[in-house]
Amino acid sequence: METISIEVEPEIARAYQNSSSTKRKKIQLTFNVLFKQIMNTRSLEDIIQEMQAQAKANGLNQESLDEILNEGDD
């Protein structure tokens, strides 16, 4: 894998930086799927469905996503 830099909103950056290495890995896997789909110019609906399936396969459900997003608020 290679590293790239992208701009995100400050609260997203804080939540990511404050998350565990396991959660970071799940986020990275999810973004990899998203970027691959965008590069293949699939429809937004197809991309969302693929992201949901990949996230679920990697243990990222709505509850864990909420935890990730709320970690920076503590």
PDB file of N, CA and C in Angstrom:
ATOM      1  N   MET A   1       0.846  -1.183   0.000  1.00  0.00           N
ATOM      2  CA  MET A   1       0.000   0.000   0.000  1.00  0.00           C
ATOM      3  C   MET A   1       0.885   1.238   0.000  1.00  0.00           C
ATOM      4  N   GLU A   2       0.300   2.328  -0.457  1.00  0.00           N
ATOM      5  CA  GLU A   2       0.975   3.617  -0.443  1.00  0.00           C
ATOM      6  C   GLU A   2       0.160   4.595   0.379  1.00  0.00           C
ATOM      7  N   THR A   3       0.801   5.645   0.849  1.00  0.00           N
ATOM      8  CA  THR A   3       0.141   6.656   1.648  1.00  0.00           C
ATOM      9  C   THR A   3      -0.155   7.873   0.788  1.00  0.00           C
ATOM     10  N   ILE A   4      -1.373   8.426   0.938  1.00  0.00           N
ATOM     11  CA  ILE A   4      -1.756   9.674   0.288  1.00  0.00           C
ATOM     12  C   ILE A   4      -2.312  10.603   1.350  1.00  0.00           C
ATOM     13  N   SER A   5      -2.428  11.867   1.034  1.00  0.00           N
ATOM     14  CA  SER A   5      -3.027  12.834   1.951  1.00  0.00           C
ATOM     15  C   SER A   5      -4.283  13.390   1.317  1.00  0.00           C
ATOM     16  N   ILE A   6      -5.348  13.472   2.102  1.00  0.00           N
ATOM     17  CA  ILE A   6      -6.587  14.096   1.639  1.00  0.00           C
ATOM     18  C   ILE A   6      -7.069  15.056   2.718  1.00  0.00           C
ATOM     19  N   GLU A   7      -7.756  16.095   2.307  1.00  0.00           N
ATOM     20  CA  GLU A   7      -8.307  17.041   3.276  1.00  0.00           C
ATOM     21  C   GLU A   7      -9.673  16.553   3.740  1.00  0.00           C
ATOM     22  N   VAL A   8      -9.872  16.623   5.051  1.00  0.00           N
ATOM     23  CA  VAL A   8     -11.154  16.263   5.657  1.00  0.00           C
ATOM     24  C   VAL A   8     -11.514  17.339   6.672  1.00  0.00           C
ATOM     25  N   GLU A   9     -12.744  17.302   7.117  1.00  0.00           N
ATOM     26  CA  GLU A   9     -13.185  18.257   8.131  1.00  0.00           C
ATOM     27  C   GLU A   9     -12.443  17.980   9.436  1.00  0.00           C
ATOM     28  N   PRO A  10     -12.202  19.017  10.228  1.00  0.00           N
ATOM     29  CA  PRO A  10     -11.416  18.856  11.467  1.00  0.00           C
ATOM     30  C   PRO A  10     -11.937  17.776  12.404  1.00  0.00           C
ATOM     31  N   GLU A  11     -13.248  17.665  12.557  1.00  0.00           N
ATOM     32  CA  GLU A  11     -13.768  16.661  13.486  1.00  0.00           C
ATOM     33  C   GLU A  11     -13.527  15.244  12.980  1.00  0.00           C
ATOM     34  N   ILE A  12     -13.496  15.064  11.672  1.00  0.00           N
ATOM     35  CA  ILE A  12     -13.181  13.749  11.109  1.00  0.00           C
ATOM     36  C   ILE A  12     -11.714  13.415  11.385  1.00  0.00           C
ATOM     37  N   ALA A  13     -10.845  14.381  11.169  1.00  0.00           N
ATOM     38  CA  ALA A  13      -9.421  14.167  11.429  1.00  0.00           C
ATOM     39  C   ALA A  13      -9.185  13.816  12.893  1.00  0.00           C
ATOM     40  N   ARG A  14      -9.820  14.538  13.811  1.00  0.00           N
ATOM     41  CA  ARG A  14      -9.641  14.268  15.243  1.00  0.00           C
ATOM     42  C   ARG A  14     -10.152  12.883  15.611  1.00  0.00           C
ATOM     43  N   ALA A  15     -11.327  12.530  15.090  1.00  0.00           N
ATOM     44  CA  ALA A  15     -11.895  11.223  15.403  1.00  0.00           C
ATOM     45  C   ALA A  15     -10.982  10.110  14.897  1.00  0.00           C
ATOM     46  N   TYR A  16     -10.441  10.279  13.700  1.00  0.00           N
ATOM     47  CA  TYR A  16      -9.527   9.275  13.145  1.00  0.00           C
ATOM     48  C   TYR A  16      -8.245   9.192  13.967  1.00  0.00           C
ATOM     49  N   GLN A  17      -7.661  10.324  14.282  1.00  0.00           N
ATOM     50  CA  GLN A  17      -6.412  10.352  15.042  1.00  0.00           C
ATOM     51  C   GLN A  17      -6.575   9.770  16.441  1.00  0.00           C
ATOM     52  N   ASN A  18      -7.750   9.905  17.022  1.00  0.00           N
ATOM     53  CA  ASN A  18      -8.003   9.411  18.373  1.00  0.00           C
ATOM     54  C   ASN A  18      -8.508   7.969  18.408  1.00  0.00           C
ATOM     55  N   SER A  19      -8.697   7.352  17.237  1.00  0.00           N
ATOM     56  CA  SER A  19      -9.234   5.994  17.197  1.00  0.00           C
ATOM     57  C   SER A  19      -8.118   4.960  17.373  1.00  0.00           C
ATOM     58  N   SER A  20      -8.519   3.774  17.721  1.00  0.00           N
ATOM     59  CA  SER A  20      -7.567   2.677  17.912  1.00  0.00           C
ATOM     60  C   SER A  20      -7.014   2.226  16.564  1.00  0.00           C
ATOM     61  N   SER A  21      -5.939   1.492  16.597  1.00  0.00           N
ATOM     62  CA  SER A  21      -5.345   0.999  15.349  1.00  0.00           C
ATOM     63  C   SER A  21      -6.297   0.050  14.623  1.00  0.00           C
ATOM     64  N   THR A  22      -7.094  -0.700  15.358  1.00  0.00           N
ATOM     65  CA  THR A  22      -8.079  -1.600  14.740  1.00  0.00           C
ATOM     66  C   THR A  22      -9.131  -0.797  13.994  1.00  0.00           C
ATOM     67  N   LYS A  23      -9.628   0.256  14.610  1.00  0.00           N
ATOM     68  CA  LYS A  23     -10.636   1.089  13.965  1.00  0.00           C
ATOM     69  C   LYS A  23     -10.045   1.812  12.766  1.00  0.00           C
ATOM     70  N   ARG A  24      -8.794   2.248  12.875  1.00  0.00           N
ATOM     71  CA  ARG A  24      -8.139   2.909  11.737  1.00  0.00           C
ATOM     72  C   ARG A  24      -8.042   1.956  10.554  1.00  0.00           C
ATOM     73  N   LYS A  25      -7.709   0.711  10.827  1.00  0.00           N
ATOM     74  CA  LYS A  25      -7.602  -0.283   9.754  1.00  0.00           C
ATOM     75  C   LYS A  25      -8.950  -0.469   9.069  1.00  0.00           C
ATOM     76  N   LYS A  26     -10.026  -0.533   9.846  1.00  0.00           N
ATOM     77  CA  LYS A  26     -11.362  -0.677   9.266  1.00  0.00           C
ATOM     78  C   LYS A  26     -11.712   0.533   8.406  1.00  0.00           C
ATOM     79  N   ILE A  27     -11.371   1.711   8.868  1.00  0.00           N
ATOM     80  CA  ILE A  27     -11.625   2.933   8.107  1.00  0.00           C
ATOM     81  C   ILE A  27     -10.822   2.914   6.810  1.00  0.00           C
ATOM     82  N   GLN A  28      -9.560   2.520   6.896  1.00  0.00           N
ATOM     83  CA  GLN A  28      -8.710   2.469   5.708  1.00  0.00           C
ATOM     84  C   GLN A  28      -9.264   1.486   4.675  1.00  0.00           C
ATOM     85  N   LEU A  29      -9.724   0.326   5.133  1.00  0.00           N
ATOM     86  CA  LEU A  29     -10.297  -0.652   4.224  1.00  0.00           C
ATOM     87  C   LEU A  29     -11.549  -0.095   3.544  1.00  0.00           C
ATOM     88  N   THR A  30     -12.368   0.600   4.316  1.00  0.00           N
ATOM     89  CA  THR A  30     -13.581   1.190   3.769  1.00  0.00           C
ATOM     90  C   THR A  30     -13.253   2.239   2.711  1.00  0.00           C
ATOM     91  N   PHE A  31     -12.276   3.102   2.993  1.00  0.00           N
ATOM     92  CA  PHE A  31     -11.882   4.116   2.020  1.00  0.00           C
ATOM     93  C   PHE A  31     -11.277   3.493   0.772  1.00  0.00           C
ATOM     94  N   ASN A  32     -10.520   2.415   0.926  1.00  0.00           N
ATOM     95  CA  ASN A  32      -9.968   1.743  -0.241  1.00  0.00           C
ATOM     96  C   ASN A  32     -11.074   1.265  -1.171  1.00  0.00           C
ATOM     97  N   VAL A  33     -12.118   0.679  -0.594  1.00  0.00           N
ATOM     98  CA  VAL A  33     -13.250   0.228  -1.407  1.00  0.00           C
ATOM     99  C   VAL A  33     -13.904   1.418  -2.101  1.00  0.00           C
ATOM    100  N   LEU A  34     -14.126   2.487  -1.348  1.00  0.00           N
ATOM    101  CA  LEU A  34     -14.759   3.676  -1.918  1.00  0.00           C
ATOM    102  C   LEU A  34     -13.947   4.225  -3.080  1.00  0.00           C
ATOM    103  N   PHE A  35     -12.658   4.425  -2.878  1.00  0.00           N
ATOM    104  CA  PHE A  35     -11.816   5.004  -3.923  1.00  0.00           C
ATOM    105  C   PHE A  35     -11.757   4.104  -5.152  1.00  0.00           C
ATOM    106  N   LYS A  36     -11.677   2.803  -4.955  1.00  0.00           N
ATOM    107  CA  LYS A  36     -11.675   1.882  -6.098  1.00  0.00           C
ATOM    108  C   LYS A  36     -12.959   2.017  -6.897  1.00  0.00           C
ATOM    109  N   GLN A  37     -14.070   2.131  -6.197  1.00  0.00           N
ATOM    110  CA  GLN A  37     -15.361   2.236  -6.879  1.00  0.00           C
ATOM    111  C   GLN A  37     -15.474   3.553  -7.638  1.00  0.00           C
ATOM    112  N   ILE A  38     -15.009   4.614  -7.039  1.00  0.00           N
ATOM    113  CA  ILE A  38     -15.051   5.911  -7.709  1.00  0.00           C
ATOM    114  C   ILE A  38     -14.198   5.878  -8.970  1.00  0.00           C
ATOM    115  N   MET A  39     -13.036   5.277  -8.875  1.00  0.00           N
ATOM    116  CA  MET A  39     -12.142   5.205 -10.024  1.00  0.00           C
ATOM    117  C   MET A  39     -12.737   4.363 -11.146  1.00  0.00           C
ATOM    118  N   ASN A  40     -13.581   3.432 -10.794  1.00  0.00           N
ATOM    119  CA  ASN A  40     -14.238   2.589 -11.799  1.00  0.00           C
ATOM    120  C   ASN A  40     -15.534   3.212 -12.308  1.00  0.00           C
ATOM    121  N   THR A  41     -15.827   4.428 -11.869  1.00  0.00           N
ATOM    122  CA  THR A  41     -17.007   5.209 -12.275  1.00  0.00           C
ATOM    123  C   THR A  41     -18.324   4.435 -12.155  1.00  0.00           C
ATOM    124  N   ARG A  42     -18.482   3.751 -11.058  1.00  0.00           N
ATOM    125  CA  ARG A  42     -19.751   3.084 -10.803  1.00  0.00           C
ATOM    126  C   ARG A  42     -20.748   4.102 -10.280  1.00  0.00           C
ATOM    127  N   SER A  43     -22.012   3.736 -10.276  1.00  0.00           N
ATOM    128  CA  SER A  43     -23.044   4.639  -9.785  1.00  0.00           C
ATOM    129  C   SER A  43     -22.893   4.826  -8.280  1.00  0.00           C
ATOM    130  N   LEU A  44     -23.379   5.952  -7.785  1.00  0.00           N
ATOM    131  CA  LEU A  44     -23.308   6.233  -6.354  1.00  0.00           C
ATOM    132  C   LEU A  44     -24.019   5.153  -5.551  1.00  0.00           C
ATOM    133  N   GLU A  45     -25.138   4.697  -6.025  1.00  0.00           N
ATOM    134  CA  GLU A  45     -25.889   3.652  -5.324  1.00  0.00           C
ATOM    135  C   GLU A  45     -25.063   2.369  -5.221  1.00  0.00           C
ATOM    136  N   ASP A  46     -24.405   1.992  -6.315  1.00  0.00           N
ATOM    137  CA  ASP A  46     -23.556   0.805  -6.295  1.00  0.00           C
ATOM    138  C   ASP A  46     -22.397   0.981  -5.323  1.00  0.00           C
ATOM    139  N   ILE A  47     -21.817   2.184  -5.314  1.00  0.00           N
ATOM    140  CA  ILE A  47     -20.701   2.469  -4.418  1.00  0.00           C
ATOM    141  C   ILE A  47     -21.137   2.347  -2.972  1.00  0.00           C
ATOM    142  N   ILE A  48     -22.283   2.923  -2.635  1.00  0.00           N
ATOM    143  CA  ILE A  48     -22.784   2.875  -1.255  1.00  0.00           C
ATOM    144  C   ILE A  48     -23.060   1.435  -0.837  1.00  0.00           C
ATOM    145  N   GLN A  49     -23.668   0.656  -1.718  1.00  0.00           N
ATOM    146  CA  GLN A  49     -23.958  -0.736  -1.384  1.00  0.00           C
ATOM    147  C   GLN A  49     -22.674  -1.527  -1.171  1.00  0.00           C
ATOM    148  N   GLU A  50     -21.683  -1.289  -2.025  1.00  0.00           N
ATOM    149  CA  GLU A  50     -20.402  -1.971  -1.875  1.00  0.00           C
ATOM    150  C   GLU A  50     -19.717  -1.568  -0.573  1.00  0.00           C
ATOM    151  N   MET A  51     -19.754  -0.284  -0.245  1.00  0.00           N
ATOM    152  CA  MET A  51     -19.152   0.190   1.000  1.00  0.00           C
ATOM    153  C   MET A  51     -19.827  -0.443   2.206  1.00  0.00           C
ATOM    154  N   GLN A  52     -21.155  -0.517   2.166  1.00  0.00           N
ATOM    155  CA  GLN A  52     -21.885  -1.111   3.279  1.00  0.00           C
ATOM    156  C   GLN A  52     -21.524  -2.581   3.443  1.00  0.00           C
ATOM    157  N   ALA A  53     -21.430  -3.306   2.339  1.00  0.00           N
ATOM    158  CA  ALA A  53     -21.083  -4.722   2.393  1.00  0.00           C
ATOM    159  C   ALA A  53     -19.665  -4.914   2.923  1.00  0.00           C
ATOM    160  N   GLN A  54     -18.732  -4.094   2.438  1.00  0.00           N
ATOM    161  CA  GLN A  54     -17.347  -4.198   2.883  1.00  0.00           C
ATOM    162  C   GLN A  54     -17.218  -3.828   4.363  1.00  0.00           C
ATOM    163  N   ALA A  55     -17.913  -2.773   4.767  1.00  0.00           N
ATOM    164  CA  ALA A  55     -17.870  -2.360   6.168  1.00  0.00           C
ATOM    165  C   ALA A  55     -18.420  -3.462   7.064  1.00  0.00           C
ATOM    166  N   LYS A  56     -19.540  -4.046   6.648  1.00  0.00           N
ATOM    167  CA  LYS A  56     -20.144  -5.125   7.435  1.00  0.00           C
ATOM    168  C   LYS A  56     -19.208  -6.323   7.506  1.00  0.00           C
ATOM    169  N   ALA A  57     -18.566  -6.653   6.396  1.00  0.00           N
ATOM    170  CA  ALA A  57     -17.637  -7.785   6.364  1.00  0.00           C
ATOM    171  C   ALA A  57     -16.441  -7.551   7.279  1.00  0.00           C
ATOM    172  N   ASN A  58     -16.100  -6.293   7.498  1.00  0.00           N
ATOM    173  CA  ASN A  58     -14.967  -5.958   8.352  1.00  0.00           C
ATOM    174  C   ASN A  58     -15.387  -5.552   9.760  1.00  0.00           C
ATOM    175  N   GLY A  59     -16.651  -5.812  10.115  1.00  0.00           N
ATOM    176  CA  GLY A  59     -17.115  -5.572  11.467  1.00  0.00           C
ATOM    177  C   GLY A  59     -17.478  -4.131  11.775  1.00  0.00           C
ATOM    178  N   LEU A  60     -17.632  -3.301  10.756  1.00  0.00           N
ATOM    179  CA  LEU A  60     -17.975  -1.901  10.974  1.00  0.00           C
ATOM    180  C   LEU A  60     -19.482  -1.735  10.794  1.00  0.00           C
ATOM    181  N   ASN A  61     -20.216  -1.765  11.912  1.00  0.00           N
ATOM    182  CA  ASN A  61     -21.658  -1.572  11.863  1.00  0.00           C
ATOM    183  C   ASN A  61     -21.991  -0.144  12.298  1.00  0.00           C
ATOM    184  N   GLN A  62     -23.250   0.198  12.307  1.00  0.00           N
ATOM    185  CA  GLN A  62     -23.649   1.569  12.649  1.00  0.00           C
ATOM    186  C   GLN A  62     -23.198   1.939  14.063  1.00  0.00           C
ATOM    187  N   GLU A  63     -23.270   0.994  14.978  1.00  0.00           N
ATOM    188  CA  GLU A  63     -22.856   1.266  16.360  1.00  0.00           C
ATOM    189  C   GLU A  63     -21.359   1.592  16.434  1.00  0.00           C
ATOM    190  N   SER A  64     -20.532   0.787  15.768  1.00  0.00           N
ATOM    191  CA  SER A  64     -19.092   1.059  15.815  1.00  0.00           C
ATOM    192  C   SER A  64     -18.746   2.332  15.055  1.00  0.00           C
ATOM    193  N   LEU A  65     -19.481   2.636  13.989  1.00  0.00           N
ATOM    194  CA  LEU A  65     -19.268   3.881  13.267  1.00  0.00           C
ATOM    195  C   LEU A  65     -19.596   5.080  14.167  1.00  0.00           C
ATOM    196  N   ASP A  66     -20.702   4.998  14.889  1.00  0.00           N
ATOM    197  CA  ASP A  66     -21.070   6.053  15.820  1.00  0.00           C
ATOM    198  C   ASP A  66     -19.991   6.232  16.891  1.00  0.00           C
ATOM    199  N   GLU A  67     -19.436   5.126  17.385  1.00  0.00           N
ATOM    200  CA  GLU A  67     -18.368   5.193  18.379  1.00  0.00           C
ATOM    201  C   GLU A  67     -17.154   5.931  17.822  1.00  0.00           C
ATOM    202  N   ILE A  68     -16.769   5.596  16.588  1.00  0.00           N
ATOM    203  CA  ILE A  68     -15.632   6.236  15.946  1.00  0.00           C
ATOM    204  C   ILE A  68     -15.863   7.736  15.830  1.00  0.00           C
ATOM    205  N   LEU A  69     -17.041   8.106  15.370  1.00  0.00           N
ATOM    206  CA  LEU A  69     -17.342   9.507  15.165  1.00  0.00           C
ATOM    207  C   LEU A  69     -17.457  10.273  16.472  1.00  0.00           C
ATOM    208  N   ASN A  70     -17.840   9.594  17.549  1.00  0.00           N
ATOM    209  CA  ASN A  70     -18.009  10.262  18.838  1.00  0.00           C
ATOM    210  C   ASN A  70     -16.769  10.226  19.719  1.00  0.00           C
ATOM    211  N   GLU A  71     -15.747   9.478  19.342  1.00  0.00           N
ATOM    212  CA  GLU A  71     -14.545   9.369  20.165  1.00  0.00           C
ATOM    213  C   GLU A  71     -13.890  10.722  20.396  1.00  0.00           C
ATOM    214  N   GLY A  72     -13.905  11.594  19.409  1.00  0.00           N
ATOM    215  CA  GLY A  72     -13.290  12.903  19.546  1.00  0.00           C
ATOM    216  C   GLY A  72     -14.042  13.837  20.480  1.00  0.00           C
ATOM    217  N   ASP A  73     -15.286  13.478  20.825  1.00  0.00           N
ATOM    218  CA  ASP A  73     -16.107  14.331  21.691  1.00  0.00           C
ATOM    219  C   ASP A  73     -15.826  14.123  23.168  1.00  0.00           C
ATOM    220  N   ASP A  74     -15.117  13.045  23.513  1.00  0.00           N
ATOM    221  CA  ASP A  74     -14.864  12.731  24.933  1.00  0.00           C
ATOM    222  C   ASP A  74     -13.801  13.618  25.524  1.00  0.00           C
TER     223      ASP A  74
END
